[in-house]
């Protein structure tokens, strides 16, 4: 995501959560990006560990708390490969440990895995 759109994206997500809350549907958890490392043949949104950490700690987390939301955030909503490396990079090397609730990974079973 281009840095110039990060505030706009967070504003959209705030409206999304407010809308659901108006129907008494809480949003307790959110992922930052589904499959942040999946480059597809169609439109996709890639996030590096530093981009994911930056969006979380400098935009999502503070904006959600400012609006009174206690929504928790997942990082690395992706496949099981690289989960340890990506978690260490996002949480430790890029300082998002205090802002992420957990990581999220898919344990899809296929013979190719």
PDB file of N, CA and C in Angstrom:
ATOM      1  N   UNK A   1       0.837  -1.164   0.000  1.00  0.00           N
ATOM      2  CA  UNK A   1       0.000   0.000   0.000  1.00  0.00           C
ATOM      3  C   UNK A   1       0.890   1.239   0.000  1.00  0.00           C
ATOM      4  N   UNK A   2       0.533   2.167  -0.829  1.00  0.00           N
ATOM      5  CA  UNK A   2       1.286   3.417  -0.842  1.00  0.00           C
ATOM      6  C   UNK A   2       1.099   4.145   0.489  1.00  0.00           C
ATOM      7  N   UNK A   3       2.172   4.685   1.036  1.00  0.00           N
ATOM      8  CA  UNK A   3       2.065   5.376   2.328  1.00  0.00           C
ATOM      9  C   UNK A   3       1.001   6.476   2.347  1.00  0.00           C
ATOM     10  N   UNK A   4       0.768   7.113   1.229  1.00  0.00           N
ATOM     11  CA  UNK A   4      -0.219   8.195   1.186  1.00  0.00           C
ATOM     12  C   UNK A   4      -1.651   7.701   1.405  1.00  0.00           C
ATOM     13  N   UNK A   5      -1.868   6.380   1.326  1.00  0.00           N
ATOM     14  CA  UNK A   5      -3.211   5.823   1.514  1.00  0.00           C
ATOM     15  C   UNK A   5      -3.414   5.151   2.876  1.00  0.00           C
ATOM     16  N   UNK A   6      -2.400   5.117   3.699  1.00  0.00           N
ATOM     17  CA  UNK A   6      -2.533   4.400   4.965  1.00  0.00           C
ATOM     18  C   UNK A   6      -3.587   5.012   5.879  1.00  0.00           C
ATOM     19  N   UNK A   7      -3.603   6.322   6.023  1.00  0.00           N
ATOM     20  CA  UNK A   7      -4.634   6.947   6.866  1.00  0.00           C
ATOM     21  C   UNK A   7      -6.027   6.704   6.302  1.00  0.00           C
ATOM     22  N   UNK A   8      -6.179   6.799   5.001  1.00  0.00           N
ATOM     23  CA  UNK A   8      -7.471   6.570   4.375  1.00  0.00           C
ATOM     24  C   UNK A   8      -7.954   5.141   4.621  1.00  0.00           C
ATOM     25  N   UNK A   9      -7.055   4.184   4.504  1.00  0.00           N
ATOM     26  CA  UNK A   9      -7.393   2.783   4.733  1.00  0.00           C
ATOM     27  C   UNK A   9      -7.847   2.574   6.173  1.00  0.00           C
ATOM     28  N   UNK A  10      -7.144   3.166   7.114  1.00  0.00           N
ATOM     29  CA  UNK A  10      -7.516   3.026   8.527  1.00  0.00           C
ATOM     30  C   UNK A  10      -8.862   3.701   8.796  1.00  0.00           C
ATOM     31  N   UNK A  11      -9.099   4.853   8.193  1.00  0.00           N
ATOM     32  CA  UNK A  11     -10.394   5.524   8.341  1.00  0.00           C
ATOM     33  C   UNK A  11     -11.530   4.636   7.829  1.00  0.00           C
ATOM     34  N   UNK A  12     -11.296   3.966   6.726  1.00  0.00           N
ATOM     35  CA  UNK A  12     -12.287   3.034   6.185  1.00  0.00           C
ATOM     36  C   UNK A  12     -12.549   1.896   7.168  1.00  0.00           C
ATOM     37  N   UNK A  13     -11.499   1.333   7.727  1.00  0.00           N
ATOM     38  CA  UNK A  13     -11.669   0.240   8.678  1.00  0.00           C
ATOM     39  C   UNK A  13     -12.394   0.696   9.943  1.00  0.00           C
ATOM     40  N   UNK A  14     -12.142   1.912  10.382  1.00  0.00           N
ATOM     41  CA  UNK A  14     -12.856   2.467  11.538  1.00  0.00           C
ATOM     42  C   UNK A  14     -14.358   2.535  11.227  1.00  0.00           C
ATOM     43  N   UNK A  15     -14.707   3.019  10.034  1.00  0.00           N
ATOM     44  CA  UNK A  15     -16.119   3.071   9.634  1.00  0.00           C
ATOM     45  C   UNK A  15     -16.720   1.676   9.568  1.00  0.00           C
ATOM     46  N   UNK A  16     -15.957   0.718   9.087  1.00  0.00           N
ATOM     47  CA  UNK A  16     -16.397  -0.675   9.003  1.00  0.00           C
ATOM     48  C   UNK A  16     -16.750  -1.207  10.388  1.00  0.00           C
ATOM     49  N   UNK A  17     -15.862  -1.010  11.346  1.00  0.00           N
ATOM     50  CA  UNK A  17     -16.093  -1.512  12.708  1.00  0.00           C
ATOM     51  C   UNK A  17     -17.278  -0.789  13.344  1.00  0.00           C
ATOM     52  N   UNK A  18     -17.365   0.518  13.166  1.00  0.00           N
ATOM     53  CA  UNK A  18     -18.498   1.286  13.714  1.00  0.00           C
ATOM     54  C   UNK A  18     -19.823   0.789  13.139  1.00  0.00           C
ATOM     55  N   UNK A  19     -19.834   0.504  11.866  1.00  0.00           N
ATOM     56  CA  UNK A  19     -21.049   0.022  11.223  1.00  0.00           C
ATOM     57  C   UNK A  19     -21.482  -1.317  11.819  1.00  0.00           C
ATOM     58  N   UNK A  20     -20.568  -2.233  11.966  1.00  0.00           N
ATOM     59  CA  UNK A  20     -20.900  -3.523  12.570  1.00  0.00           C
ATOM     60  C   UNK A  20     -21.354  -3.352  14.015  1.00  0.00           C
ATOM     61  N   UNK A  21     -20.690  -2.487  14.752  1.00  0.00           N
ATOM     62  CA  UNK A  21     -21.074  -2.250  16.144  1.00  0.00           C
ATOM     63  C   UNK A  21     -22.479  -1.680  16.251  1.00  0.00           C
ATOM     64  N   UNK A  22     -22.910  -0.899  15.266  1.00  0.00           N
ATOM     65  CA  UNK A  22     -24.263  -0.335  15.291  1.00  0.00           C
ATOM     66  C   UNK A  22     -25.333  -1.431  15.242  1.00  0.00           C
ATOM     67  N   UNK A  23     -24.948  -2.625  14.798  1.00  0.00           N
ATOM     68  CA  UNK A  23     -25.828  -3.785  14.779  1.00  0.00           C
ATOM     69  C   UNK A  23     -25.489  -4.766  15.905  1.00  0.00           C
ATOM     70  N   UNK A  24     -24.757  -4.284  16.895  1.00  0.00           N
ATOM     71  CA  UNK A  24     -24.312  -5.090  18.038  1.00  0.00           C
ATOM     72  C   UNK A  24     -23.464  -6.291  17.615  1.00  0.00           C
ATOM     73  N   UNK A  25     -22.676  -6.105  16.577  1.00  0.00           N
ATOM     74  CA  UNK A  25     -21.746  -7.135  16.118  1.00  0.00           C
ATOM     75  C   UNK A  25     -20.343  -6.620  16.393  1.00  0.00           C
ATOM     76  N   UNK A  26     -19.690  -7.170  17.415  1.00  0.00           N
ATOM     77  CA  UNK A  26     -18.334  -6.697  17.718  1.00  0.00           C
ATOM     78  C   UNK A  26     -17.305  -7.270  16.747  1.00  0.00           C
ATOM     79  N   UNK A  27     -16.280  -6.501  16.497  1.00  0.00           N
ATOM     80  CA  UNK A  27     -15.138  -6.975  15.711  1.00  0.00           C
ATOM     81  C   UNK A  27     -13.997  -7.127  16.715  1.00  0.00           C
ATOM     82  N   UNK A  28     -13.798  -8.341  17.180  1.00  0.00           N
ATOM     83  CA  UNK A  28     -12.800  -8.595  18.213  1.00  0.00           C
ATOM     84  C   UNK A  28     -11.395  -8.748  17.650  1.00  0.00           C
ATOM     85  N   UNK A  29     -11.294  -9.308  16.451  1.00  0.00           N
ATOM     86  CA  UNK A  29      -9.991  -9.564  15.835  1.00  0.00           C
ATOM     87  C   UNK A  29     -10.026  -9.185  14.361  1.00  0.00           C
ATOM     88  N   UNK A  30      -8.886  -8.734  13.875  1.00  0.00           N
ATOM     89  CA  UNK A  30      -8.717  -8.451  12.448  1.00  0.00           C
ATOM     90  C   UNK A  30      -7.310  -8.863  12.035  1.00  0.00           C
ATOM     91  N   UNK A  31      -7.176  -9.294  10.798  1.00  0.00           N
ATOM     92  CA  UNK A  31      -5.840  -9.482  10.246  1.00  0.00           C
ATOM     93  C   UNK A  31      -5.475  -8.220   9.473  1.00  0.00           C
ATOM     94  N   UNK A  32      -4.204  -7.967   9.378  1.00  0.00           N
ATOM     95  CA  UNK A  32      -3.757  -6.778   8.662  1.00  0.00           C
ATOM     96  C   UNK A  32      -3.920  -6.974   7.162  1.00  0.00           C
ATOM     97  N   UNK A  33      -3.556  -8.149   6.671  1.00  0.00           N
ATOM     98  CA  UNK A  33      -3.698  -8.442   5.249  1.00  0.00           C
ATOM     99  C   UNK A  33      -3.737  -9.947   5.068  1.00  0.00           C
ATOM    100  N   UNK A  34      -4.712 -10.424   4.323  1.00  0.00           N
ATOM    101  CA  UNK A  34      -4.762 -11.839   3.994  1.00  0.00           C
ATOM    102  C   UNK A  34      -3.613 -12.164   3.036  1.00  0.00           C
ATOM    103  N   UNK A  35      -2.849 -13.169   3.403  1.00  0.00           N
ATOM    104  CA  UNK A  35      -1.727 -13.634   2.594  1.00  0.00           C
ATOM    105  C   UNK A  35      -0.841 -12.486   2.110  1.00  0.00           C
ATOM    106  N   UNK A  36      -0.156 -11.821   3.036  1.00  0.00           N
ATOM    107  CA  UNK A  36       0.631 -10.636   2.686  1.00  0.00           C
ATOM    108  C   UNK A  36       1.837 -10.898   1.793  1.00  0.00           C
ATOM    109  N   UNK A  37       2.146 -12.153   1.557  1.00  0.00           N
ATOM    110  CA  UNK A  37       3.303 -12.478   0.728  1.00  0.00           C
ATOM    111  C   UNK A  37       2.894 -13.218  -0.550  1.00  0.00           C
ATOM    112  N   UNK A  38       1.611 -13.170  -0.891  1.00  0.00           N
ATOM    113  CA  UNK A  38       1.108 -13.922  -2.046  1.00  0.00           C
ATOM    114  C   UNK A  38       0.973 -13.018  -3.263  1.00  0.00           C
ATOM    115  N   UNK A  39       1.937 -13.110  -4.132  1.00  0.00           N
ATOM    116  CA  UNK A  39       1.870 -12.358  -5.388  1.00  0.00           C
ATOM    117  C   UNK A  39       1.069 -13.199  -6.371  1.00  0.00           C
ATOM    118  N   UNK A  40      -0.057 -12.662  -6.795  1.00  0.00           N
ATOM    119  CA  UNK A  40      -0.978 -13.398  -7.655  1.00  0.00           C
ATOM    120  C   UNK A  40      -0.925 -12.869  -9.080  1.00  0.00           C
ATOM    121  N   UNK A  41      -1.606 -13.574  -9.966  1.00  0.00           N
ATOM    122  CA  UNK A  41      -1.735 -13.083 -11.336  1.00  0.00           C
ATOM    123  C   UNK A  41      -2.823 -12.013 -11.410  1.00  0.00           C
ATOM    124  N   UNK A  42      -3.657 -11.930 -10.386  1.00  0.00           N
ATOM    125  CA  UNK A  42      -4.664 -10.879 -10.286  1.00  0.00           C
ATOM    126  C   UNK A  42      -4.186  -9.851  -9.269  1.00  0.00           C
ATOM    127  N   UNK A  43      -4.989  -8.834  -9.009  1.00  0.00           N
ATOM    128  CA  UNK A  43      -4.592  -7.786  -8.080  1.00  0.00           C
ATOM    129  C   UNK A  43      -4.308  -8.389  -6.704  1.00  0.00           C
ATOM    130  N   UNK A  44      -3.208  -8.001  -6.135  1.00  0.00           N
ATOM    131  CA  UNK A  44      -2.866  -8.466  -4.798  1.00  0.00           C
ATOM    132  C   UNK A  44      -2.159  -7.336  -4.056  1.00  0.00           C
ATOM    133  N   UNK A  45      -2.166  -7.445  -2.761  1.00  0.00           N
ATOM    134  CA  UNK A  45      -1.560  -6.415  -1.923  1.00  0.00           C
ATOM    135  C   UNK A  45      -0.471  -7.080  -1.086  1.00  0.00           C
ATOM    136  N   UNK A  46       0.754  -6.839  -1.451  1.00  0.00           N
ATOM    137  CA  UNK A  46       1.882  -7.436  -0.743  1.00  0.00           C
ATOM    138  C   UNK A  46       2.313  -6.528   0.403  1.00  0.00           C
ATOM    139  N   UNK A  47       2.618  -7.135   1.532  1.00  0.00           N
ATOM    140  CA  UNK A  47       3.133  -6.404   2.683  1.00  0.00           C
ATOM    141  C   UNK A  47       4.415  -7.066   3.146  1.00  0.00           C
ATOM    142  N   UNK A  48       5.470  -6.304   3.231  1.00  0.00           N
ATOM    143  CA  UNK A  48       6.691  -6.802   3.854  1.00  0.00           C
ATOM    144  C   UNK A  48       6.477  -6.775   5.366  1.00  0.00           C
ATOM    145  N   UNK A  49       7.379  -7.381   6.099  1.00  0.00           N
ATOM    146  CA  UNK A  49       7.287  -7.356   7.560  1.00  0.00           C
ATOM    147  C   UNK A  49       7.342  -5.927   8.084  1.00  0.00           C
ATOM    148  N   UNK A  50       8.203  -5.110   7.509  1.00  0.00           N
ATOM    149  CA  UNK A  50       8.313  -3.727   7.979  1.00  0.00           C
ATOM    150  C   UNK A  50       7.052  -2.927   7.652  1.00  0.00           C
ATOM    151  N   UNK A  51       6.446  -3.168   6.485  1.00  0.00           N
ATOM    152  CA  UNK A  51       5.206  -2.475   6.128  1.00  0.00           C
ATOM    153  C   UNK A  51       4.053  -2.894   7.030  1.00  0.00           C
ATOM    154  N   UNK A  52       3.988  -4.189   7.310  1.00  0.00           N
ATOM    155  CA  UNK A  52       2.944  -4.705   8.191  1.00  0.00           C
ATOM    156  C   UNK A  52       3.092  -4.128   9.595  1.00  0.00           C
ATOM    157  N   UNK A  53       4.306  -4.116  10.109  1.00  0.00           N
ATOM    158  CA  UNK A  53       4.570  -3.559  11.443  1.00  0.00           C
ATOM    159  C   UNK A  53       4.265  -2.071  11.483  1.00  0.00           C
ATOM    160  N   UNK A  54       4.679  -1.345  10.459  1.00  0.00           N
ATOM    161  CA  UNK A  54       4.432   0.094  10.410  1.00  0.00           C
ATOM    162  C   UNK A  54       2.938   0.406  10.407  1.00  0.00           C
ATOM    163  N   UNK A  55       2.178  -0.267   9.554  1.00  0.00           N
ATOM    164  CA  UNK A  55       0.740  -0.022   9.491  1.00  0.00           C
ATOM    165  C   UNK A  55       0.084  -0.329  10.837  1.00  0.00           C
ATOM    166  N   UNK A  56       0.496  -1.409  11.461  1.00  0.00           N
ATOM    167  CA  UNK A  56      -0.090  -1.791  12.742  1.00  0.00           C
ATOM    168  C   UNK A  56       0.244  -0.803  13.847  1.00  0.00           C
ATOM    169  N   UNK A  57       1.514  -0.548  14.059  1.00  0.00           N
ATOM    170  CA  UNK A  57       1.896   0.243  15.239  1.00  0.00           C
ATOM    171  C   UNK A  57       1.736   1.746  15.078  1.00  0.00           C
ATOM    172  N   UNK A  58       1.750   2.243  13.845  1.00  0.00           N
ATOM    173  CA  UNK A  58       1.659   3.691  13.633  1.00  0.00           C
ATOM    174  C   UNK A  58       0.301   4.177  13.122  1.00  0.00           C
ATOM    175  N   UNK A  59      -0.531   3.252  12.671  1.00  0.00           N
ATOM    176  CA  UNK A  59      -1.819   3.658  12.109  1.00  0.00           C
ATOM    177  C   UNK A  59      -2.990   2.885  12.733  1.00  0.00           C
ATOM    178  N   UNK A  60      -3.033   1.566  12.516  1.00  0.00           N
ATOM    179  CA  UNK A  60      -4.176   0.784  12.982  1.00  0.00           C
ATOM    180  C   UNK A  60      -4.357   0.840  14.499  1.00  0.00           C
ATOM    181  N   UNK A  61      -3.350   0.400  15.211  1.00  0.00           N
ATOM    182  CA  UNK A  61      -3.480   0.295  16.664  1.00  0.00           C
ATOM    183  C   UNK A  61      -3.836   1.636  17.313  1.00  0.00           C
ATOM    184  N   UNK A  62      -3.087   2.704  17.055  1.00  0.00           N
ATOM    185  CA  UNK A  62      -3.439   3.967  17.720  1.00  0.00           C
ATOM    186  C   UNK A  62      -4.808   4.513  17.304  1.00  0.00           C
ATOM    187  N   UNK A  63      -5.179   4.362  16.054  1.00  0.00           N
ATOM    188  CA  UNK A  63      -6.475   4.869  15.597  1.00  0.00           C
ATOM    189  C   UNK A  63      -7.638   4.077  16.201  1.00  0.00           C
ATOM    190  N   UNK A  64      -7.470   2.781  16.280  1.00  0.00           N
ATOM    191  CA  UNK A  64      -8.524   1.964  16.879  1.00  0.00           C
ATOM    192  C   UNK A  64      -8.674   2.285  18.365  1.00  0.00           C
ATOM    193  N   UNK A  65      -7.568   2.444  19.071  1.00  0.00           N
ATOM    194  CA  UNK A  65      -7.650   2.768  20.500  1.00  0.00           C
ATOM    195  C   UNK A  65      -8.241   4.164  20.703  1.00  0.00           C
ATOM    196  N   UNK A  66      -7.864   5.103  19.859  1.00  0.00           N
ATOM    197  CA  UNK A  66      -8.391   6.472  19.945  1.00  0.00           C
ATOM    198  C   UNK A  66      -9.916   6.476  19.786  1.00  0.00           C
ATOM    199  N   UNK A  67     -10.434   5.544  18.983  1.00  0.00           N
ATOM    200  CA  UNK A  67     -11.871   5.432  18.770  1.00  0.00           C
ATOM    201  C   UNK A  67     -12.552   4.500  19.775  1.00  0.00           C
ATOM    202  N   UNK A  68     -11.802   4.044  20.760  1.00  0.00           N
ATOM    203  CA  UNK A  68     -12.372   3.203  21.814  1.00  0.00           C
ATOM    204  C   UNK A  68     -12.550   1.745  21.454  1.00  0.00           C
ATOM    205  N   UNK A  69     -11.943   1.302  20.358  1.00  0.00           N
ATOM    206  CA  UNK A  69     -12.051  -0.100  19.952  1.00  0.00           C
ATOM    207  C   UNK A  69     -10.962  -0.925  20.629  1.00  0.00           C
ATOM    208  N   UNK A  70     -11.327  -2.096  21.082  1.00  0.00           N
ATOM    209  CA  UNK A  70     -10.363  -3.012  21.690  1.00  0.00           C
ATOM    210  C   UNK A  70     -10.001  -4.150  20.742  1.00  0.00           C
ATOM    211  N   UNK A  71     -10.261  -3.943  19.465  1.00  0.00           N
ATOM    212  CA  UNK A  71      -9.963  -4.937  18.439  1.00  0.00           C
ATOM    213  C   UNK A  71      -8.500  -5.347  18.531  1.00  0.00           C
ATOM    214  N   UNK A  72      -8.265  -6.644  18.435  1.00  0.00           N
ATOM    215  CA  UNK A  72      -6.902  -7.179  18.445  1.00  0.00           C
ATOM    216  C   UNK A  72      -6.524  -7.523  17.010  1.00  0.00           C
ATOM    217  N   UNK A  73      -5.229  -7.454  16.734  1.00  0.00           N
ATOM    218  CA  UNK A  73      -4.753  -7.638  15.366  1.00  0.00           C
ATOM    219  C   UNK A  73      -3.842  -8.852  15.239  1.00  0.00           C
ATOM    220  N   UNK A  74      -4.056  -9.581  14.148  1.00  0.00           N
ATOM    221  CA  UNK A  74      -3.195 -10.703  13.764  1.00  0.00           C
ATOM    222  C   UNK A  74      -2.193 -10.215  12.729  1.00  0.00           C
ATOM    223  N   UNK A  75      -1.011 -10.756  12.789  1.00  0.00           N
ATOM    224  CA  UNK A  75      -0.039 -10.556  11.719  1.00  0.00           C
ATOM    225  C   UNK A  75       0.101 -11.866  10.956  1.00  0.00           C
ATOM    226  N   UNK A  76       0.747 -11.802   9.825  1.00  0.00           N
ATOM    227  CA  UNK A  76       1.077 -12.961   8.983  1.00  0.00           C
ATOM    228  C   UNK A  76      -0.101 -13.916   8.824  1.00  0.00           C
ATOM    229  N   UNK A  77      -1.177 -13.445   8.235  1.00  0.00           N
ATOM    230  CA  UNK A  77      -2.314 -14.294   7.901  1.00  0.00           C
ATOM    231  C   UNK A  77      -1.957 -15.003   6.599  1.00  0.00           C
ATOM    232  N   UNK A  78      -1.205 -16.084   6.742  1.00  0.00           N
ATOM    233  CA  UNK A  78      -0.622 -16.731   5.572  1.00  0.00           C
ATOM    234  C   UNK A  78      -0.380 -18.205   5.865  1.00  0.00           C
ATOM    235  N   UNK A  79       0.311 -18.874   4.967  1.00  0.00           N
ATOM    236  CA  UNK A  79       0.621 -20.288   5.128  1.00  0.00           C
ATOM    237  C   UNK A  79       1.663 -20.506   6.221  1.00  0.00           C
ATOM    238  N   UNK A  80       1.828 -21.770   6.604  1.00  0.00           N
ATOM    239  CA  UNK A  80       2.717 -22.087   7.721  1.00  0.00           C
ATOM    240  C   UNK A  80       4.202 -21.884   7.418  1.00  0.00           C
ATOM    241  N   UNK A  81       4.566 -21.953   6.153  1.00  0.00           N
ATOM    242  CA  UNK A  81       5.977 -21.750   5.848  1.00  0.00           C
ATOM    243  C   UNK A  81       6.355 -20.300   6.156  1.00  0.00           C
ATOM    244  N   UNK A  82       7.483 -20.108   6.679  1.00  0.00           N
ATOM    245  CA  UNK A  82       8.039 -18.800   7.041  1.00  0.00           C
ATOM    246  C   UNK A  82       7.365 -18.124   8.242  1.00  0.00           C
ATOM    247  N   UNK A  83       6.466 -18.834   8.930  1.00  0.00           N
ATOM    248  CA  UNK A  83       5.758 -18.187  10.047  1.00  0.00           C
ATOM    249  C   UNK A  83       6.717 -17.740  11.141  1.00  0.00           C
ATOM    250  N   UNK A  84       7.696 -18.538  11.484  1.00  0.00           N
ATOM    251  CA  UNK A  84       8.638 -18.156  12.538  1.00  0.00           C
ATOM    252  C   UNK A  84       9.493 -16.972  12.094  1.00  0.00           C
ATOM    253  N   UNK A  85      10.070 -17.067  10.896  1.00  0.00           N
ATOM    254  CA  UNK A  85      10.919 -15.990  10.399  1.00  0.00           C
ATOM    255  C   UNK A  85      10.145 -14.673  10.281  1.00  0.00           C
ATOM    256  N   UNK A  86       8.944 -14.752   9.725  1.00  0.00           N
ATOM    257  CA  UNK A  86       8.148 -13.535   9.529  1.00  0.00           C
ATOM    258  C   UNK A  86       7.703 -12.957  10.873  1.00  0.00           C
ATOM    259  N   UNK A  87       7.343 -13.804  11.804  1.00  0.00           N
ATOM    260  CA  UNK A  87       6.919 -13.323  13.122  1.00  0.00           C
ATOM    261  C   UNK A  87       8.054 -12.618  13.837  1.00  0.00           C
ATOM    262  N   UNK A  88       9.226 -13.195  13.805  1.00  0.00           N
ATOM    263  CA  UNK A  88      10.392 -12.569  14.438  1.00  0.00           C
ATOM    264  C   UNK A  88      10.689 -11.225  13.773  1.00  0.00           C
ATOM    265  N   UNK A  89      10.645 -11.215  12.446  1.00  0.00           N
ATOM    266  CA  UNK A  89      10.951  -9.974  11.727  1.00  0.00           C
ATOM    267  C   UNK A  89       9.926  -8.880  12.046  1.00  0.00           C
ATOM    268  N   UNK A  90       8.638  -9.204  11.989  1.00  0.00           N
ATOM    269  CA  UNK A  90       7.593  -8.201  12.230  1.00  0.00           C
ATOM    270  C   UNK A  90       7.553  -7.766  13.685  1.00  0.00           C
ATOM    271  N   UNK A  91       7.549  -8.743  14.587  1.00  0.00           N
ATOM    272  CA  UNK A  91       7.346  -8.443  16.006  1.00  0.00           C
ATOM    273  C   UNK A  91       8.589  -7.903  16.698  1.00  0.00           C
ATOM    274  N   UNK A  92       9.728  -8.496  16.431  1.00  0.00           N
ATOM    275  CA  UNK A  92      10.952  -8.129  17.147  1.00  0.00           C
ATOM    276  C   UNK A  92      11.755  -7.083  16.374  1.00  0.00           C
ATOM    277  N   UNK A  93      12.136  -7.416  15.145  1.00  0.00           N
ATOM    278  CA  UNK A  93      13.014  -6.517  14.388  1.00  0.00           C
ATOM    279  C   UNK A  93      12.337  -5.192  14.031  1.00  0.00           C
ATOM    280  N   UNK A  94      11.019  -5.219  13.829  1.00  0.00           N
ATOM    281  CA  UNK A  94      10.314  -3.987  13.446  1.00  0.00           C
ATOM    282  C   UNK A  94       9.400  -3.459  14.548  1.00  0.00           C
ATOM    283  N   UNK A  95       9.513  -4.021  15.751  1.00  0.00           N
ATOM    284  CA  UNK A  95       8.902  -3.445  16.942  1.00  0.00           C
ATOM    285  C   UNK A  95       7.395  -3.499  17.069  1.00  0.00           C
ATOM    286  N   UNK A  96       6.749  -4.511  16.513  1.00  0.00           N
ATOM    287  CA  UNK A  96       5.287  -4.590  16.600  1.00  0.00           C
ATOM    288  C   UNK A  96       4.788  -5.518  17.701  1.00  0.00           C
ATOM    289  N   UNK A  97       5.687  -6.005  18.532  1.00  0.00           N
ATOM    290  CA  UNK A  97       5.319  -6.992  19.554  1.00  0.00           C
ATOM    291  C   UNK A  97       4.215  -6.495  20.489  1.00  0.00           C
ATOM    292  N   UNK A  98       4.254  -5.249  20.876  1.00  0.00           N
ATOM    293  CA  UNK A  98       3.253  -4.707  21.805  1.00  0.00           C
ATOM    294  C   UNK A  98       1.921  -4.401  21.136  1.00  0.00           C
ATOM    295  N   UNK A  99       1.828  -4.539  19.832  1.00  0.00           N
ATOM    296  CA  UNK A  99       0.629  -4.142  19.105  1.00  0.00           C
ATOM    297  C   UNK A  99      -0.124  -5.311  18.475  1.00  0.00           C
ATOM    298  N   UNK A 100       0.535  -6.418  18.266  1.00  0.00           N
ATOM    299  CA  UNK A 100      -0.087  -7.592  17.648  1.00  0.00           C
ATOM    300  C   UNK A 100      -0.535  -8.563  18.727  1.00  0.00           C
ATOM    301  N   UNK A 101      -1.684  -9.145  18.518  1.00  0.00           N
ATOM    302  CA  UNK A 101      -2.197 -10.121  19.467  1.00  0.00           C
ATOM    303  C   UNK A 101      -1.587 -11.496  19.221  1.00  0.00           C
ATOM    304  N   UNK A 102      -1.503 -11.880  17.959  1.00  0.00           N
ATOM    305  CA  UNK A 102      -0.943 -13.176  17.573  1.00  0.00           C
ATOM    306  C   UNK A 102      -0.695 -13.187  16.079  1.00  0.00           C
ATOM    307  N   UNK A 103      -0.134 -14.289  15.633  1.00  0.00           N
ATOM    308  CA  UNK A 103      -0.042 -14.449  14.191  1.00  0.00           C
ATOM    309  C   UNK A 103      -1.121 -15.426  13.767  1.00  0.00           C
ATOM    310  N   UNK A 104      -1.414 -15.430  12.509  1.00  0.00           N
ATOM    311  CA  UNK A 104      -2.475 -16.268  11.971  1.00  0.00           C
ATOM    312  C   UNK A 104      -1.881 -17.043  10.812  1.00  0.00           C
ATOM    313  N   UNK A 105      -2.078 -18.344  10.801  1.00  0.00           N
ATOM    314  CA  UNK A 105      -1.530 -19.114   9.703  1.00  0.00           C
ATOM    315  C   UNK A 105      -2.489 -20.189   9.263  1.00  0.00           C
ATOM    316  N   UNK A 106      -2.366 -20.582   8.035  1.00  0.00           N
ATOM    317  CA  UNK A 106      -3.212 -21.627   7.465  1.00  0.00           C
ATOM    318  C   UNK A 106      -2.477 -22.948   7.538  1.00  0.00           C
ATOM    319  N   UNK A 107      -3.184 -23.939   7.985  1.00  0.00           N
ATOM    320  CA  UNK A 107      -2.626 -25.289   8.007  1.00  0.00           C
ATOM    321  C   UNK A 107      -3.369 -26.144   6.991  1.00  0.00           C
ATOM    322  N   UNK A 108      -3.311 -25.692   5.765  1.00  0.00           N
ATOM    323  CA  UNK A 108      -3.968 -26.409   4.675  1.00  0.00           C
ATOM    324  C   UNK A 108      -3.182 -27.684   4.427  1.00  0.00           C
ATOM    325  N   UNK A 109      -3.896 -28.807   4.395  1.00  0.00           N
ATOM    326  CA  UNK A 109      -3.208 -30.056   4.146  1.00  0.00           C
ATOM    327  C   UNK A 109      -3.335 -30.431   2.676  1.00  0.00           C
ATOM    328  N   UNK A 110      -2.201 -30.548   2.063  1.00  0.00           N
ATOM    329  CA  UNK A 110      -2.117 -31.050   0.690  1.00  0.00           C
ATOM    330  C   UNK A 110      -0.877 -31.931   0.615  1.00  0.00           C
ATOM    331  N   UNK A 111      -0.868 -32.824  -0.277  1.00  0.00           N
ATOM    332  CA  UNK A 111       0.312 -33.663  -0.452  1.00  0.00           C
ATOM    333  C   UNK A 111       1.531 -32.844  -0.856  1.00  0.00           C
ATOM    334  N   UNK A 112       1.292 -31.688  -1.480  1.00  0.00           N
ATOM    335  CA  UNK A 112       2.411 -30.859  -1.917  1.00  0.00           C
ATOM    336  C   UNK A 112       3.093 -30.143  -0.758  1.00  0.00           C
ATOM    337  N   UNK A 113       2.460 -30.109   0.420  1.00  0.00           N
ATOM    338  CA  UNK A 113       3.060 -29.435   1.571  1.00  0.00           C
ATOM    339  C   UNK A 113       4.014 -30.351   2.257  1.00  0.00           C
TER     340      UNK A 113
END
